[in-house]
Protein backbone atom coordinates (compact mmCIF):
# COMPACT_ATOMS: atom_id res chain seq x y z
CA MET A 1 196.77 184.82 7.41
CA GLU A 2 194.90 184.27 4.13
CA LYS A 3 197.05 186.81 2.25
CA MET A 4 200.22 184.93 3.35
CA ARG A 5 198.79 181.69 2.14
CA LEU A 6 200.22 180.00 5.26
CA ALA A 7 198.05 176.83 4.86
CA GLU A 8 199.45 176.22 1.27
CA TYR A 9 203.06 176.61 2.62
CA VAL A 10 202.49 174.22 5.45
CA GLU A 11 201.08 171.73 3.10
CA LEU A 12 204.12 172.07 0.63
CA LEU A 13 206.54 171.57 3.70
CA GLU A 14 204.56 168.35 4.51
CA ASN A 15 205.01 166.86 1.05
CA PRO A 16 208.89 166.64 0.47
CA ARG A 17 208.75 165.15 -2.92
CA ARG A 18 206.78 168.07 -4.29
CA LEU A 19 208.98 170.59 -2.57
CA LEU A 20 212.14 168.91 -4.11
CA PHE A 21 210.56 168.76 -7.67
CA LEU A 22 209.52 172.49 -7.43
CA ASN A 23 212.94 173.44 -6.24
CA PHE A 24 214.51 171.39 -9.00
CA LEU A 25 212.38 173.00 -11.62
CA ILE A 26 213.30 176.50 -10.14
CA GLY A 27 216.91 175.55 -10.26
CA VAL A 28 216.80 174.41 -13.86
CA SER A 29 214.92 177.50 -14.92
CA ARG A 30 217.35 179.84 -13.14
CA GLY A 31 220.34 178.05 -14.82
CA PHE A 32 218.74 178.10 -18.20
CA GLY A 33 218.03 181.77 -17.87
CA THR A 34 221.48 182.65 -16.71
CA ALA A 35 222.94 180.66 -19.70
CA ILE A 36 220.79 182.49 -22.11
CA GLY A 37 221.56 185.87 -20.59
CA PHE A 38 225.23 185.31 -20.54
CA THR A 39 225.19 184.21 -24.29
CA VAL A 40 223.39 187.25 -25.34
CA LEU A 41 225.50 189.60 -23.28
CA ALA A 42 228.79 187.96 -24.62
CA ALA A 43 227.38 188.13 -28.28
CA LEU A 44 226.74 191.97 -27.66
CA VAL A 45 230.15 192.41 -26.15
CA LEU A 46 231.79 190.74 -29.11
CA TYR A 47 229.66 192.76 -31.55
CA PHE A 48 230.78 195.96 -30.00
CA LEU A 49 234.24 195.00 -29.99
CA GLN A 50 234.22 194.13 -33.71
CA GLN A 51 232.69 197.52 -34.31
CA MET A 52 235.50 199.32 -32.48
CA ILE A 53 237.94 197.52 -34.63
CA VAL A 54 236.22 199.14 -37.61
CA LEU A 55 236.70 202.55 -36.22
CA ASN A 56 240.52 201.68 -36.08
CA ILE A 57 241.37 203.46 -32.93
CA PRO A 58 245.10 203.03 -32.74
CA VAL A 59 245.86 201.50 -29.31
CA ILE A 60 242.62 199.90 -28.34
CA GLY A 61 241.88 198.67 -31.84
CA SER A 62 244.90 196.30 -31.95
CA PHE A 63 244.27 194.97 -28.49
CA ILE A 64 240.54 194.30 -29.40
CA ALA A 65 241.48 192.80 -32.62
CA ASP A 66 243.60 190.31 -30.79
CA ILE A 67 240.72 189.41 -28.25
CA VAL A 68 238.32 188.98 -31.14
CA ALA A 69 240.82 186.70 -33.07
CA ILE A 70 241.28 184.63 -29.90
CA VAL A 71 237.59 184.03 -29.39
CA GLN A 72 236.88 183.22 -33.09
CA ALA A 73 239.71 180.77 -33.03
CA GLN A 74 238.29 179.13 -30.10
CA LEU A 75 234.87 179.10 -31.50
CA LYS A 76 236.35 177.24 -34.66
CA VAL A 77 238.12 174.63 -32.59
CA GLY A 78 234.84 173.79 -30.59
CA GLY A 79 234.69 176.13 -27.83
CA PHE A 80 236.87 174.35 -25.34
CA ILE A 81 239.75 176.04 -23.67
CA ILE A 82 242.28 173.86 -22.01
CA TYR A 83 244.88 175.21 -19.49
CA PHE A 84 247.75 173.26 -18.43
């Protein structure tokens, strides 16, 4: 029972404000970590796509060049894509 820390868990359940606060902090940290992770992953993908353009692969190169141009244009506009 001591290893499970059951008493601490029951104490946490009896204090709803602390439970909500801890859950809020956990949610914020997960969201922040997800945002940072996606940003790094997207930057790496764009970097590799730009390097493939340099290799000048005939079919894939022009397709990737179009994608990179679209992304760079959206970054200059402010990053907002609006679909109608």
